[in-house]
Amino acid sequence: MVKNVWLQELNHKNKNQQLKDSIKNASTTFYDLEDEYIKNEDKVMFFKKAHQLSEDKREILYLRLLGDLSFKEIGSIFERTENWARVTFYRAKLELRKDE
């Protein structure tokens, strides 16, 4: 008899914990969806602004941020100097921030 009471109590505690976990997961999932939506909107705005840059600036921005290339590698792609790539990237960032 005592064993049954103990098992019922244990089962009741497990159900309560599962309910609490479900509520926590549901609110976390909602927050994650909202956060993901905001990140996606930021990406869209970034690419809209980047599209308005000159072709060289846009391509350097993509190579640096998405291609994860060094300024030396970017300079060699454009057959320019590393410093030229660095300065052009900096100017592209300034143009993107100017509209904020």
C-alpha atoms as a PDB file:
ATOM      1  CA  MET A   1       0.000   0.000   0.000  1.00  0.00           C
ATOM      2  CA  VAL A   2       2.744   2.444   0.924  1.00  0.00           C
ATOM      3  CA  LYS A   3       4.523   1.460  -2.259  1.00  0.00           C
ATOM      4  CA  ASN A   4       1.458   2.383  -4.365  1.00  0.00           C
ATOM      5  CA  VAL A   5       1.098   5.768  -2.693  1.00  0.00           C
ATOM      6  CA  TRP A   6       4.766   6.476  -3.275  1.00  0.00           C
ATOM      7  CA  LEU A   7       4.485   5.454  -6.956  1.00  0.00           C
ATOM      8  CA  GLN A   8       1.396   7.647  -7.422  1.00  0.00           C
ATOM      9  CA  GLU A   9       3.194  10.618  -5.896  1.00  0.00           C
ATOM     10  CA  LEU A  10       6.213   9.993  -8.096  1.00  0.00           C
ATOM     11  CA  ASN A  11       4.005   9.749 -11.178  1.00  0.00           C
ATOM     12  CA  HIS A  12       2.236  12.994 -10.226  1.00  0.00           C
ATOM     13  CA  LYS A  13       5.568  14.819  -9.837  1.00  0.00           C
ATOM     14  CA  ASN A  14       6.744  13.526 -13.218  1.00  0.00           C
ATOM     15  CA  LYS A  15       3.565  14.760 -14.910  1.00  0.00           C
ATOM     16  CA  ASN A  16       3.971  18.207 -13.341  1.00  0.00           C
ATOM     17  CA  GLN A  17       7.616  18.381 -14.431  1.00  0.00           C
ATOM     18  CA  GLN A  18       6.688  17.335 -17.968  1.00  0.00           C
ATOM     19  CA  LEU A  19       4.019  20.044 -18.083  1.00  0.00           C
ATOM     20  CA  LYS A  20       6.508  22.664 -16.869  1.00  0.00           C
ATOM     21  CA  ASP A  21       9.052  21.515 -19.456  1.00  0.00           C
ATOM     22  CA  SER A  22       6.443  21.675 -22.222  1.00  0.00           C
ATOM     23  CA  ILE A  23       5.481  25.232 -21.302  1.00  0.00           C
ATOM     24  CA  LYS A  24       9.126  26.272 -21.150  1.00  0.00           C
ATOM     25  CA  ASN A  25       9.870  24.695 -24.544  1.00  0.00           C
ATOM     26  CA  ALA A  26       6.828  26.320 -26.127  1.00  0.00           C
ATOM     27  CA  SER A  27       7.844  29.794 -24.977  1.00  0.00           C
ATOM     28  CA  THR A  28      11.441  29.185 -26.052  1.00  0.00           C
ATOM     29  CA  THR A  29      10.277  28.019 -29.474  1.00  0.00           C
ATOM     30  CA  PHE A  30       8.158  31.145 -29.905  1.00  0.00           C
ATOM     31  CA  TYR A  31      11.095  33.321 -28.927  1.00  0.00           C
ATOM     32  CA  ASP A  32      13.353  31.457 -31.339  1.00  0.00           C
ATOM     33  CA  LEU A  33      10.885  31.981 -34.190  1.00  0.00           C
ATOM     34  CA  GLU A  34      10.649  35.687 -33.442  1.00  0.00           C
ATOM     35  CA  ASP A  35      14.419  35.976 -33.184  1.00  0.00           C
ATOM     36  CA  GLU A  36      14.861  34.070 -36.449  1.00  0.00           C
ATOM     37  CA  TYR A  37      12.385  36.374 -38.206  1.00  0.00           C
ATOM     38  CA  ILE A  38      14.289  39.454 -37.036  1.00  0.00           C
ATOM     39  CA  LYS A  39      17.597  37.970 -38.197  1.00  0.00           C
ATOM     40  CA  ASN A  40      16.089  37.196 -41.589  1.00  0.00           C
ATOM     41  CA  GLU A  41      14.775  40.754 -41.934  1.00  0.00           C
ATOM     42  CA  ASP A  42      18.234  42.083 -41.080  1.00  0.00           C
ATOM     43  CA  LYS A  43      19.752  39.902 -43.794  1.00  0.00           C
ATOM     44  CA  VAL A  44      17.281  41.180 -46.363  1.00  0.00           C
ATOM     45  CA  MET A  45      18.031  44.795 -45.428  1.00  0.00           C
ATOM     46  CA  PHE A  46      21.777  44.149 -45.595  1.00  0.00           C
ATOM     47  CA  PHE A  47      21.556  42.682 -49.100  1.00  0.00           C
ATOM     48  CA  LYS A  48      19.274  45.493 -50.281  1.00  0.00           C
ATOM     49  CA  LYS A  49      21.809  48.063 -49.103  1.00  0.00           C
ATOM     50  CA  ALA A  50      24.732  46.072 -50.495  1.00  0.00           C
ATOM     51  CA  HIS A  51      23.027  45.859 -53.862  1.00  0.00           C
ATOM     52  CA  GLN A  52      23.125  49.665 -54.078  1.00  0.00           C
ATOM     53  CA  LEU A  53      26.922  49.761 -53.744  1.00  0.00           C
ATOM     54  CA  SER A  54      29.268  49.904 -56.724  1.00  0.00           C
ATOM     55  CA  GLU A  55      30.165  46.548 -58.210  1.00  0.00           C
ATOM     56  CA  ASP A  56      33.700  46.491 -56.770  1.00  0.00           C
ATOM     57  CA  LYS A  57      32.573  47.434 -53.270  1.00  0.00           C
ATOM     58  CA  ARG A  58      29.742  44.927 -53.341  1.00  0.00           C
ATOM     59  CA  GLU A  59      31.977  42.117 -54.545  1.00  0.00           C
ATOM     60  CA  ILE A  60      34.670  42.896 -51.963  1.00  0.00           C
ATOM     61  CA  LEU A  61      32.025  42.940 -49.246  1.00  0.00           C
ATOM     62  CA  TYR A  62      30.723  39.534 -50.345  1.00  0.00           C
ATOM     63  CA  LEU A  63      34.198  38.026 -50.678  1.00  0.00           C
ATOM     64  CA  ARG A  64      35.231  39.259 -47.241  1.00  0.00           C
ATOM     65  CA  LEU A  65      32.043  38.467 -45.303  1.00  0.00           C
ATOM     66  CA  LEU A  66      30.613  35.467 -47.119  1.00  0.00           C
ATOM     67  CA  GLY A  67      33.748  34.034 -48.697  1.00  0.00           C
ATOM     68  CA  ASP A  68      35.833  34.671 -45.586  1.00  0.00           C
ATOM     69  CA  LEU A  69      38.815  35.722 -47.727  1.00  0.00           C
ATOM     70  CA  SER A  70      41.712  37.814 -46.492  1.00  0.00           C
ATOM     71  CA  PHE A  71      42.387  41.276 -47.894  1.00  0.00           C
ATOM     72  CA  LYS A  72      45.510  39.899 -49.546  1.00  0.00           C
ATOM     73  CA  GLU A  73      43.463  37.238 -51.348  1.00  0.00           C
ATOM     74  CA  ILE A  74      40.839  39.786 -52.391  1.00  0.00           C
ATOM     75  CA  GLY A  75      43.535  42.119 -53.690  1.00  0.00           C
ATOM     76  CA  SER A  76      45.018  39.322 -55.768  1.00  0.00           C
ATOM     77  CA  ILE A  77      41.600  38.482 -57.245  1.00  0.00           C
ATOM     78  CA  PHE A  78      41.185  42.088 -58.392  1.00  0.00           C
ATOM     79  CA  GLU A  79      44.879  42.319 -59.347  1.00  0.00           C
ATOM     80  CA  ARG A  80      45.272  45.174 -56.886  1.00  0.00           C
ATOM     81  CA  THR A  81      47.065  45.634 -53.590  1.00  0.00           C
ATOM     82  CA  GLU A  82      46.016  44.322 -50.202  1.00  0.00           C
ATOM     83  CA  ASN A  83      45.714  47.920 -49.008  1.00  0.00           C
ATOM     84  CA  TRP A  84      43.334  48.765 -51.873  1.00  0.00           C
ATOM     85  CA  ALA A  85      41.060  45.884 -50.828  1.00  0.00           C
ATOM     86  CA  ARG A  86      41.178  46.975 -47.187  1.00  0.00           C
ATOM     87  CA  VAL A  87      40.342  50.627 -47.992  1.00  0.00           C
ATOM     88  CA  THR A  88      37.566  49.685 -50.422  1.00  0.00           C
ATOM     89  CA  PHE A  89      36.022  47.345 -47.843  1.00  0.00           C
ATOM     90  CA  TYR A  90      36.167  50.107 -45.233  1.00  0.00           C
ATOM     91  CA  ARG A  91      34.479  52.568 -47.602  1.00  0.00           C
ATOM     92  CA  ALA A  92      31.774  50.020 -48.406  1.00  0.00           C
ATOM     93  CA  LYS A  93      31.076  49.608 -44.686  1.00  0.00           C
ATOM     94  CA  LEU A  94      30.833  53.379 -44.318  1.00  0.00           C
ATOM     95  CA  GLU A  95      28.295  53.570 -47.126  1.00  0.00           C
ATOM     96  CA  LEU A  96      26.195  50.821 -45.548  1.00  0.00           C
ATOM     97  CA  ARG A  97      26.228  52.574 -42.177  1.00  0.00           C
ATOM     98  CA  LYS A  98      25.486  55.969 -43.684  1.00  0.00           C
ATOM     99  CA  ASP A  99      21.885  55.005 -44.417  1.00  0.00           C
ATOM    100  CA  GLU A 100      21.157  53.693 -40.900  1.00  0.00           C
END
